[in-house]
Protein backbone atom coordinates (compact mmCIF):
# COMPACT_ATOMS: atom_id res chain seq x y z
CA UNK A 1 57.32 123.41 93.21
CA UNK A 2 59.41 126.31 94.47
CA UNK A 3 61.11 124.10 97.06
CA UNK A 4 62.27 121.74 94.34
CA UNK A 5 63.78 124.62 92.36
CA UNK A 6 65.58 125.92 95.44
CA UNK A 7 67.01 122.48 96.21
CA UNK A 8 68.27 122.13 92.64
CA UNK A 9 69.83 125.59 92.77
CA UNK A 10 71.47 124.77 96.11
CA UNK A 11 72.99 121.58 94.72
CA UNK A 12 74.18 123.33 91.56
CA UNK A 13 75.81 126.09 93.61
CA UNK A 14 77.54 123.60 95.90
CA UNK A 15 78.71 121.59 92.89
CA UNK A 16 80.14 124.74 91.31
CA UNK A 17 82.08 125.61 94.45
CA UNK A 18 83.45 122.06 94.78
CA UNK A 19 84.43 122.01 91.12
CA UNK A 20 86.22 125.36 91.52
CA UNK A 21 88.21 124.14 94.53
CA UNK A 22 89.20 120.96 92.71
CA UNK A 23 90.28 122.99 89.66
CA UNK A 24 92.43 125.28 91.79
CA UNK A 25 94.10 122.34 93.54
CA UNK A 26 94.76 120.56 90.26
CA UNK A 27 96.20 123.74 88.70
CA UNK A 28 98.53 124.38 91.61
CA UNK A 29 99.77 120.79 91.71
CA UNK A 30 100.39 120.71 87.95
CA UNK A 31 102.25 124.02 88.19
CA UNK A 32 104.48 122.78 91.01
CA UNK A 33 105.23 119.55 89.16
CA UNK A 34 106.13 121.53 86.02
CA UNK A 35 108.52 123.75 87.96
CA UNK A 36 110.20 120.76 89.59
CA UNK A 37 110.52 118.96 86.24
CA UNK A 38 111.97 122.06 84.57
CA UNK A 39 114.50 122.54 87.36
CA UNK A 40 115.54 118.91 87.09
CA UNK A 41 116.04 119.28 83.32
CA UNK A 42 118.13 122.43 83.75
CA UNK A 43 120.23 120.74 86.43
CA UNK A 44 121.03 117.74 84.22
CA UNK A 45 121.68 119.87 81.12
CA UNK A 46 125.45 119.75 81.63
CA UNK A 47 125.47 115.94 81.65
CA UNK A 48 124.20 115.69 78.06
CA UNK A 49 126.89 114.98 75.46
CA UNK A 50 126.46 114.66 71.72
């Protein structure tokens, strides 16, 4: 019985670490894309005429 609990805890811990790494990668990539998009908007600001 104890072995089963330890295996479940091991899998849950590994899953938590993997989920954390994926969250960090997604956050960094979204941040970089936002910065690039904002820079592109600021660059093309002078081309807008009303």
